[in-house]
Structures are given as structure tokens and as C-alpha cells.
Amino acid sequence: SAGQAWREHGITADQVRAVNAAIDDGSPALWKLA
């Protein structure tokens, strides 16, 4: 959605990386995609 919700809530890339780093615990392949 071209980052619509991110933009609406003023979210930054460093926040997104920090929150989603846990993906790596279950799937390094999906974390690489993320």
C-alpha cells in the first residue's frame, strides 16, 4: 500500500527494523526478504 499506515503514524525505517527483527528467529529467509 506504498507505506500508507507507516506514513499516517510517522513510523521510520529504524523502528520497522527493530520491531521486525524477531522474524529472524523463525525464518532467516523471510527476515532477509523483510
PDB file of all heavy atoms in Angstrom:
ATOM      1  N   SER A   1       0.829  -1.218   0.000  1.00  0.00           N
ATOM      2  CA  SER A   1       0.000   0.000   0.000  1.00  0.00           C
ATOM      3  C   SER A   1       0.861   1.264   0.000  1.00  0.00           C
ATOM      4  O   SER A   1       0.404   2.329   0.418  1.00  0.00           O
ATOM      5  CB  SER A   1      -0.928   0.005   1.214  1.00  0.00           C
ATOM      6  OG  SER A   1      -0.173  -0.027   2.429  1.00  0.00           O
ATOM      7  N   ALA A   2       2.093   1.141  -0.472  1.00  0.00           N
ATOM      8  CA  ALA A   2       3.008   2.280  -0.564  1.00  0.00           C
ATOM      9  C   ALA A   2       3.242   2.942   0.794  1.00  0.00           C
ATOM     10  O   ALA A   2       3.356   4.166   0.894  1.00  0.00           O
ATOM     11  CB  ALA A   2       2.504   3.305  -1.580  1.00  0.00           C
ATOM     12  N   GLY A   3       3.295   2.126   1.827  1.00  0.00           N
ATOM     13  CA  GLY A   3       3.613   2.631   3.166  1.00  0.00           C
ATOM     14  C   GLY A   3       2.553   3.501   3.791  1.00  0.00           C
ATOM     15  O   GLY A   3       2.858   4.325   4.666  1.00  0.00           O
ATOM     16  N   GLN A   4       1.296   3.309   3.404  1.00  0.00           N
ATOM     17  CA  GLN A   4       0.234   4.218   3.869  1.00  0.00           C
ATOM     18  C   GLN A   4       0.142   4.300   5.391  1.00  0.00           C
ATOM     19  O   GLN A   4       0.128   5.389   5.969  1.00  0.00           O
ATOM     20  CB  GLN A   4      -1.111   3.791   3.287  1.00  0.00           C
ATOM     21  CG  GLN A   4      -2.267   4.702   3.698  1.00  0.00           C
ATOM     22  CD  GLN A   4      -3.557   4.369   2.972  1.00  0.00           C
ATOM     23  OE1 GLN A   4      -3.542   4.017   1.788  1.00  0.00           O
ATOM     24  NE2 GLN A   4      -4.672   4.467   3.664  1.00  0.00           N
ATOM     25  N   ALA A   5       0.059   3.149   6.062  1.00  0.00           N
ATOM     26  CA  ALA A   5      -0.066   3.171   7.523  1.00  0.00           C
ATOM     27  C   ALA A   5       1.207   3.681   8.184  1.00  0.00           C
ATOM     28  O   ALA A   5       1.152   4.398   9.194  1.00  0.00           O
ATOM     29  CB  ALA A   5      -0.409   1.772   8.051  1.00  0.00           C
ATOM     30  N   TRP A   6       2.374   3.350   7.633  1.00  0.00           N
ATOM     31  CA  TRP A   6       3.625   3.882   8.168  1.00  0.00           C
ATOM     32  C   TRP A   6       3.597   5.406   8.132  1.00  0.00           C
ATOM     33  O   TRP A   6       3.961   6.078   9.101  1.00  0.00           O
ATOM     34  CB  TRP A   6       4.810   3.381   7.342  1.00  0.00           C
ATOM     35  CG  TRP A   6       5.196   1.958   7.545  1.00  0.00           C
ATOM     36  CD1 TRP A   6       5.026   1.199   8.662  1.00  0.00           C
ATOM     37  CD2 TRP A   6       5.835   1.113   6.576  1.00  0.00           C
ATOM     38  NE1 TRP A   6       5.527  -0.058   8.464  1.00  0.00           N
ATOM     39  CE2 TRP A   6       6.035  -0.150   7.197  1.00  0.00           C
ATOM     40  CE3 TRP A   6       6.269   1.297   5.266  1.00  0.00           C
ATOM     41  CZ2 TRP A   6       6.642  -1.217   6.529  1.00  0.00           C
ATOM     42  CZ3 TRP A   6       6.880   0.235   4.600  1.00  0.00           C
ATOM     43  CH2 TRP A   6       7.053  -1.014   5.230  1.00  0.00           C
ATOM     44  N   ARG A   7       3.196   5.944   6.984  1.00  0.00           N
ATOM     45  CA  ARG A   7       3.193   7.403   6.826  1.00  0.00           C
ATOM     46  C   ARG A   7       2.164   8.066   7.737  1.00  0.00           C
ATOM     47  O   ARG A   7       2.413   9.124   8.314  1.00  0.00           O
ATOM     48  CB  ARG A   7       2.938   7.770   5.354  1.00  0.00           C
ATOM     49  CG  ARG A   7       4.129   7.438   4.451  1.00  0.00           C
ATOM     50  CD  ARG A   7       3.944   7.863   2.988  1.00  0.00           C
ATOM     51  NE  ARG A   7       3.130   6.904   2.244  1.00  0.00           N
ATOM     52  CZ  ARG A   7       1.892   7.120   1.836  1.00  0.00           C
ATOM     53  NH1 ARG A   7       1.286   8.261   2.128  1.00  0.00           N
ATOM     54  NH2 ARG A   7       1.227   6.210   1.149  1.00  0.00           N
ATOM     55  N   GLU A   8       0.994   7.437   7.875  1.00  0.00           N
ATOM     56  CA  GLU A   8      -0.060   8.002   8.729  1.00  0.00           C
ATOM     57  C   GLU A   8       0.386   8.111  10.183  1.00  0.00           C
ATOM     58  O   GLU A   8      -0.029   9.035  10.894  1.00  0.00           O
ATOM     59  CB  GLU A   8      -1.319   7.135   8.648  1.00  0.00           C
ATOM     60  CG  GLU A   8      -2.074   7.262   7.334  1.00  0.00           C
ATOM     61  CD  GLU A   8      -3.270   6.316   7.263  1.00  0.00           C
ATOM     62  OE1 GLU A   8      -3.427   5.484   8.202  1.00  0.00           O
ATOM     63  OE2 GLU A   8      -4.024   6.383   6.285  1.00  0.00           O
ATOM     64  N   HIS A   9       1.235   7.192  10.630  1.00  0.00           N
ATOM     65  CA  HIS A   9       1.626   7.140  12.035  1.00  0.00           C
ATOM     66  C   HIS A   9       3.065   7.608  12.273  1.00  0.00           C
ATOM     67  O   HIS A   9       3.573   7.509  13.391  1.00  0.00           O
ATOM     68  CB  HIS A   9       1.436   5.730  12.585  1.00  0.00           C
ATOM     69  CG  HIS A   9      -0.003   5.285  12.569  1.00  0.00           C
ATOM     70  ND1 HIS A   9      -0.921   5.707  13.512  1.00  0.00           N
ATOM     71  CD2 HIS A   9      -0.689   4.490  11.703  1.00  0.00           C
ATOM     72  CE1 HIS A   9      -2.103   5.178  13.236  1.00  0.00           C
ATOM     73  NE2 HIS A   9      -1.993   4.442  12.158  1.00  0.00           N
ATOM     74  N   GLY A  10       3.702   8.148  11.240  1.00  0.00           N
ATOM     75  CA  GLY A  10       5.043   8.704  11.400  1.00  0.00           C
ATOM     76  C   GLY A  10       6.097   7.676  11.760  1.00  0.00           C
ATOM     77  O   GLY A  10       7.022   7.965  12.529  1.00  0.00           O
ATOM     78  N   ILE A  11       5.974   6.472  11.207  1.00  0.00           N
ATOM     79  CA  ILE A  11       6.908   5.391  11.517  1.00  0.00           C
ATOM     80  C   ILE A  11       8.159   5.519  10.648  1.00  0.00           C
ATOM     81  O   ILE A  11       8.097   5.946   9.494  1.00  0.00           O
ATOM     82  CB  ILE A  11       6.238   4.017  11.284  1.00  0.00           C
ATOM     83  CG1 ILE A  11       4.941   3.920  12.093  1.00  0.00           C
ATOM     84  CG2 ILE A  11       7.191   2.885  11.636  1.00  0.00           C
ATOM     85  CD1 ILE A  11       5.107   4.138  13.582  1.00  0.00           C
ATOM     86  N   THR A  12       9.301   5.144  11.203  1.00  0.00           N
ATOM     87  CA  THR A  12      10.569   5.238  10.478  1.00  0.00           C
ATOM     88  C   THR A  12      11.161   3.853  10.240  1.00  0.00           C
ATOM     89  O   THR A  12      10.791   2.873  10.886  1.00  0.00           O
ATOM     90  CB  THR A  12      11.590   6.080  11.261  1.00  0.00           C
ATOM     91  OG1 THR A  12      11.868   5.415  12.513  1.00  0.00           O
ATOM     92  CG2 THR A  12      11.056   7.477  11.536  1.00  0.00           C
ATOM     93  N   ALA A  13      12.114   3.788   9.306  1.00  0.00           N
ATOM     94  CA  ALA A  13      12.722   2.514   8.950  1.00  0.00           C
ATOM     95  C   ALA A  13      13.450   1.880  10.129  1.00  0.00           C
ATOM     96  O   ALA A  13      13.426   0.646  10.286  1.00  0.00           O
ATOM     97  CB  ALA A  13      13.672   2.703   7.770  1.00  0.00           C
ATOM     98  N   ASP A  14      14.091   2.693  10.955  1.00  0.00           N
ATOM     99  CA  ASP A  14      14.788   2.097  12.099  1.00  0.00           C
ATOM    100  C   ASP A  14      13.796   1.450  13.072  1.00  0.00           C
ATOM    101  O   ASP A  14      14.081   0.406  13.666  1.00  0.00           O
ATOM    102  CB  ASP A  14      15.699   3.108  12.803  1.00  0.00           C
ATOM    103  CG  ASP A  14      15.002   4.390  13.218  1.00  0.00           C
ATOM    104  OD1 ASP A  14      13.817   4.568  12.875  1.00  0.00           O
ATOM    105  OD2 ASP A  14      15.650   5.219  13.881  1.00  0.00           O
ATOM    106  N   GLN A  15      12.594   2.025  13.225  1.00  0.00           N
ATOM    107  CA  GLN A  15      11.564   1.407  14.055  1.00  0.00           C
ATOM    108  C   GLN A  15      11.086   0.087  13.441  1.00  0.00           C
ATOM    109  O   GLN A  15      10.904  -0.910  14.148  1.00  0.00           O
ATOM    110  CB  GLN A  15      10.359   2.342  14.206  1.00  0.00           C
ATOM    111  CG  GLN A  15      10.597   3.563  15.070  1.00  0.00           C
ATOM    112  CD  GLN A  15       9.370   4.464  15.083  1.00  0.00           C
ATOM    113  OE1 GLN A  15       9.062   5.126  14.094  1.00  0.00           O
ATOM    114  NE2 GLN A  15       8.648   4.466  16.192  1.00  0.00           N
ATOM    115  N   VAL A  16      10.877   0.094  12.142  1.00  0.00           N
ATOM    116  CA  VAL A  16      10.379  -1.103  11.468  1.00  0.00           C
ATOM    117  C   VAL A  16      11.395  -2.240  11.573  1.00  0.00           C
ATOM    118  O   VAL A  16      11.039  -3.392  11.829  1.00  0.00           O
ATOM    119  CB  VAL A  16      10.051  -0.798   9.992  1.00  0.00           C
ATOM    120  CG1 VAL A  16       9.611  -2.065   9.254  1.00  0.00           C
ATOM    121  CG2 VAL A  16       8.952   0.261   9.890  1.00  0.00           C
ATOM    122  N   ARG A  17      12.658  -1.921  11.410  1.00  0.00           N
ATOM    123  CA  ARG A  17      13.696  -2.956  11.529  1.00  0.00           C
ATOM    124  C   ARG A  17      13.737  -3.516  12.952  1.00  0.00           C
ATOM    125  O   ARG A  17      13.848  -4.729  13.153  1.00  0.00           O
ATOM    126  CB  ARG A  17      15.059  -2.392  11.146  1.00  0.00           C
ATOM    127  CG  ARG A  17      15.202  -2.079   9.664  1.00  0.00           C
ATOM    128  CD  ARG A  17      16.647  -1.772   9.285  1.00  0.00           C
ATOM    129  NE  ARG A  17      16.733  -1.312   7.914  1.00  0.00           N
ATOM    130  CZ  ARG A  17      16.736  -0.033   7.534  1.00  0.00           C
ATOM    131  NH1 ARG A  17      16.676   0.930   8.460  1.00  0.00           N
ATOM    132  NH2 ARG A  17      16.798   0.289   6.268  1.00  0.00           N
ATOM    133  N   ALA A  18      13.660  -2.635  13.941  1.00  0.00           N
ATOM    134  CA  ALA A  18      13.742  -3.084  15.336  1.00  0.00           C
ATOM    135  C   ALA A  18      12.563  -3.996  15.698  1.00  0.00           C
ATOM    136  O   ALA A  18      12.745  -5.040  16.338  1.00  0.00           O
ATOM    137  CB  ALA A  18      13.780  -1.877  16.272  1.00  0.00           C
ATOM    138  N   VAL A  19      11.376  -3.621  15.289  1.00  0.00           N
ATOM    139  CA  VAL A  19      10.177  -4.392  15.612  1.00  0.00           C
ATOM    140  C   VAL A  19      10.162  -5.734  14.891  1.00  0.00           C
ATOM    141  O   VAL A  19       9.718  -6.750  15.439  1.00  0.00           O
ATOM    142  CB  VAL A  19       8.923  -3.561  15.270  1.00  0.00           C
ATOM    143  CG1 VAL A  19       7.703  -4.457  15.093  1.00  0.00           C
ATOM    144  CG2 VAL A  19       8.656  -2.535  16.353  1.00  0.00           C
ATOM    145  N   ASN A  20      10.650  -5.746  13.657  1.00  0.00           N
ATOM    146  CA  ASN A  20      10.532  -6.944  12.835  1.00  0.00           C
ATOM    147  C   ASN A  20      11.760  -7.851  12.868  1.00  0.00           C
ATOM    148  O   ASN A  20      11.755  -8.922  12.244  1.00  0.00           O
ATOM    149  CB  ASN A  20      10.211  -6.554  11.395  1.00  0.00           C
ATOM    150  CG  ASN A  20       8.797  -6.025  11.269  1.00  0.00           C
ATOM    151  OD1 ASN A  20       7.833  -6.768  11.373  1.00  0.00           O
ATOM    152  ND2 ASN A  20       8.677  -4.721  11.067  1.00  0.00           N
ATOM    153  N   ALA A  21      12.783  -7.488  13.610  1.00  0.00           N
ATOM    154  CA  ALA A  21      13.976  -8.329  13.690  1.00  0.00           C
ATOM    155  C   ALA A  21      13.656  -9.720  14.219  1.00  0.00           C
ATOM    156  O   ALA A  21      14.367 -10.692  13.913  1.00  0.00           O
ATOM    157  CB  ALA A  21      15.030  -7.658  14.572  1.00  0.00           C
ATOM    158  N   ALA A  22      12.572  -9.851  14.970  1.00  0.00           N
ATOM    159  CA  ALA A  22      12.173 -11.150  15.512  1.00  0.00           C
ATOM    160  C   ALA A  22      11.803 -12.144  14.412  1.00  0.00           C
ATOM    161  O   ALA A  22      11.756 -13.355  14.676  1.00  0.00           O
ATOM    162  CB  ALA A  22      11.001 -10.983  16.469  1.00  0.00           C
ATOM    163  N   ILE A  23      11.541 -11.668  13.205  1.00  0.00           N
ATOM    164  CA  ILE A  23      11.267 -12.582  12.092  1.00  0.00           C
ATOM    165  C   ILE A  23      12.420 -13.564  11.925  1.00  0.00           C
ATOM    166  O   ILE A  23      12.232 -14.740  11.611  1.00  0.00           O
ATOM    167  CB  ILE A  23      11.027 -11.795  10.789  1.00  0.00           C
ATOM    168  CG1 ILE A  23       9.735 -10.967  10.888  1.00  0.00           C
ATOM    169  CG2 ILE A  23      10.962 -12.727   9.578  1.00  0.00           C
ATOM    170  CD1 ILE A  23       9.508 -10.031   9.702  1.00  0.00           C
ATOM    171  N   ASP A  24      13.633 -13.082  12.178  1.00  0.00           N
ATOM    172  CA  ASP A  24      14.832 -13.906  12.006  1.00  0.00           C
ATOM    173  C   ASP A  24      14.819 -15.139  12.900  1.00  0.00           C
ATOM    174  O   ASP A  24      15.400 -16.174  12.556  1.00  0.00           O
ATOM    175  CB  ASP A  24      16.071 -13.056  12.282  1.00  0.00           C
ATOM    176  CG  ASP A  24      17.363 -13.726  11.826  1.00  0.00           C
ATOM    177  OD1 ASP A  24      17.366 -14.356  10.753  1.00  0.00           O
ATOM    178  OD2 ASP A  24      18.366 -13.612  12.545  1.00  0.00           O
ATOM    179  N   ASP A  25      14.143 -15.061  14.053  1.00  0.00           N
ATOM    180  CA  ASP A  25      14.092 -16.196  14.975  1.00  0.00           C
ATOM    181  C   ASP A  25      13.361 -17.393  14.366  1.00  0.00           C
ATOM    182  O   ASP A  25      13.658 -18.538  14.697  1.00  0.00           O
ATOM    183  CB  ASP A  25      13.397 -15.807  16.279  1.00  0.00           C
ATOM    184  CG  ASP A  25      14.178 -14.776  17.073  1.00  0.00           C
ATOM    185  OD1 ASP A  25      15.407 -14.687  16.875  1.00  0.00           O
ATOM    186  OD2 ASP A  25      13.558 -14.065  17.886  1.00  0.00           O
ATOM    187  N   GLY A  26      12.389 -17.113  13.502  1.00  0.00           N
ATOM    188  CA  GLY A  26      11.607 -18.190  12.911  1.00  0.00           C
ATOM    189  C   GLY A  26      11.960 -18.495  11.480  1.00  0.00           C
ATOM    190  O   GLY A  26      11.691 -19.597  10.986  1.00  0.00           O
ATOM    191  N   SER A  27      12.551 -17.497  10.791  1.00  0.00           N
ATOM    192  CA  SER A  27      12.879 -17.702   9.384  1.00  0.00           C
ATOM    193  C   SER A  27      13.897 -16.679   8.907  1.00  0.00           C
ATOM    194  O   SER A  27      13.526 -15.565   8.544  1.00  0.00           O
ATOM    195  CB  SER A  27      11.617 -17.605   8.515  1.00  0.00           C
ATOM    196  OG  SER A  27      11.958 -17.674   7.142  1.00  0.00           O
ATOM    197  N   PRO A  28      15.177 -17.032   8.877  1.00  0.00           N
ATOM    198  CA  PRO A  28      16.176 -16.123   8.310  1.00  0.00           C
ATOM    199  C   PRO A  28      15.859 -15.727   6.873  1.00  0.00           C
ATOM    200  O   PRO A  28      16.121 -14.595   6.465  1.00  0.00           O
ATOM    201  CB  PRO A  28      17.477 -16.943   8.401  1.00  0.00           C
ATOM    202  CG  PRO A  28      17.252 -17.857   9.566  1.00  0.00           C
ATOM    203  CD  PRO A  28      15.796 -18.231   9.474  1.00  0.00           C
ATOM    204  N   ALA A  29      15.275 -16.643   6.108  1.00  0.00           N
ATOM    205  CA  ALA A  29      14.941 -16.334   4.716  1.00  0.00           C
ATOM    206  C   ALA A  29      13.885 -15.230   4.635  1.00  0.00           C
ATOM    207  O   ALA A  29      13.996 -14.308   3.805  1.00  0.00           O
ATOM    208  CB  ALA A  29      14.439 -17.591   4.007  1.00  0.00           C
ATOM    209  N   LEU A  30      12.879 -15.306   5.492  1.00  0.00           N
ATOM    210  CA  LEU A  30      11.840 -14.272   5.470  1.00  0.00           C
ATOM    211  C   LEU A  30      12.352 -12.959   6.060  1.00  0.00           C
ATOM    212  O   LEU A  30      11.897 -11.879   5.655  1.00  0.00           O
ATOM    213  CB  LEU A  30      10.599 -14.753   6.217  1.00  0.00           C
ATOM    214  CG  LEU A  30       9.846 -15.919   5.552  1.00  0.00           C
ATOM    215  CD1 LEU A  30       8.609 -16.285   6.376  1.00  0.00           C
ATOM    216  CD2 LEU A  30       9.459 -15.588   4.107  1.00  0.00           C
ATOM    217  N   TRP A  31      13.282 -13.022   7.002  1.00  0.00           N
ATOM    218  CA  TRP A  31      13.871 -11.793   7.530  1.00  0.00           C
ATOM    219  C   TRP A  31      14.688 -11.093   6.443  1.00  0.00           C
ATOM    220  O   TRP A  31      14.675  -9.872   6.322  1.00  0.00           O
ATOM    221  CB  TRP A  31      14.718 -12.097   8.755  1.00  0.00           C
ATOM    222  CG  TRP A  31      15.484 -10.916   9.312  1.00  0.00           C
ATOM    223  CD1 TRP A  31      16.797 -10.881   9.652  1.00  0.00           C
ATOM    224  CD2 TRP A  31      14.973  -9.603   9.604  1.00  0.00           C
ATOM    225  NE1 TRP A  31      17.151  -9.646  10.131  1.00  0.00           N
ATOM    226  CE2 TRP A  31      16.049  -8.826  10.117  1.00  0.00           C
ATOM    227  CE3 TRP A  31      13.730  -9.003   9.477  1.00  0.00           C
ATOM    228  CZ2 TRP A  31      15.910  -7.497  10.498  1.00  0.00           C
ATOM    229  CZ3 TRP A  31      13.585  -7.667   9.861  1.00  0.00           C
ATOM    230  CH2 TRP A  31      14.667  -6.936  10.360  1.00  0.00           C
ATOM    231  N   LYS A  32      15.390 -11.865   5.628  1.00  0.00           N
ATOM    232  CA  LYS A  32      16.126 -11.286   4.507  1.00  0.00           C
ATOM    233  C   LYS A  32      15.163 -10.593   3.547  1.00  0.00           C
ATOM    234  O   LYS A  32      15.417  -9.466   3.097  1.00  0.00           O
ATOM    235  CB  LYS A  32      16.910 -12.376   3.769  1.00  0.00           C
ATOM    236  CG  LYS A  32      17.791 -11.858   2.641  1.00  0.00           C
ATOM    237  CD  LYS A  32      18.608 -12.992   2.023  1.00  0.00           C
ATOM    238  CE  LYS A  32      19.503 -12.473   0.899  1.00  0.00           C
ATOM    239  NZ  LYS A  32      20.318 -13.579   0.305  1.00  0.00           N
ATOM    240  N   LEU A  33      14.039 -11.243   3.253  1.00  0.00           N
ATOM    241  CA  LEU A  33      13.017 -10.621   2.407  1.00  0.00           C
ATOM    242  C   LEU A  33      12.498  -9.342   3.050  1.00  0.00           C
ATOM    243  O   LEU A  33      12.344  -8.309   2.383  1.00  0.00           O
ATOM    244  CB  LEU A  33      11.868 -11.596   2.185  1.00  0.00           C
ATOM    245  CG  LEU A  33      10.601 -11.013   1.543  1.00  0.00           C
ATOM    246  CD1 LEU A  33      10.881 -10.517   0.135  1.00  0.00           C
ATOM    247  CD2 LEU A  33       9.466 -12.035   1.552  1.00  0.00           C
ATOM    248  N   ALA A  34      12.218  -9.396   4.359  1.00  0.00           N
ATOM    249  CA  ALA A  34      11.689  -8.233   5.063  1.00  0.00           C
ATOM    250  C   ALA A  34      12.649  -7.051   4.967  1.00  0.00           C
ATOM    251  O   ALA A  34      12.221  -5.905   4.746  1.00  0.00           O
ATOM    252  CB  ALA A  34      11.427  -8.578   6.529  1.00  0.00           C
TER     253      ALA A  34
END
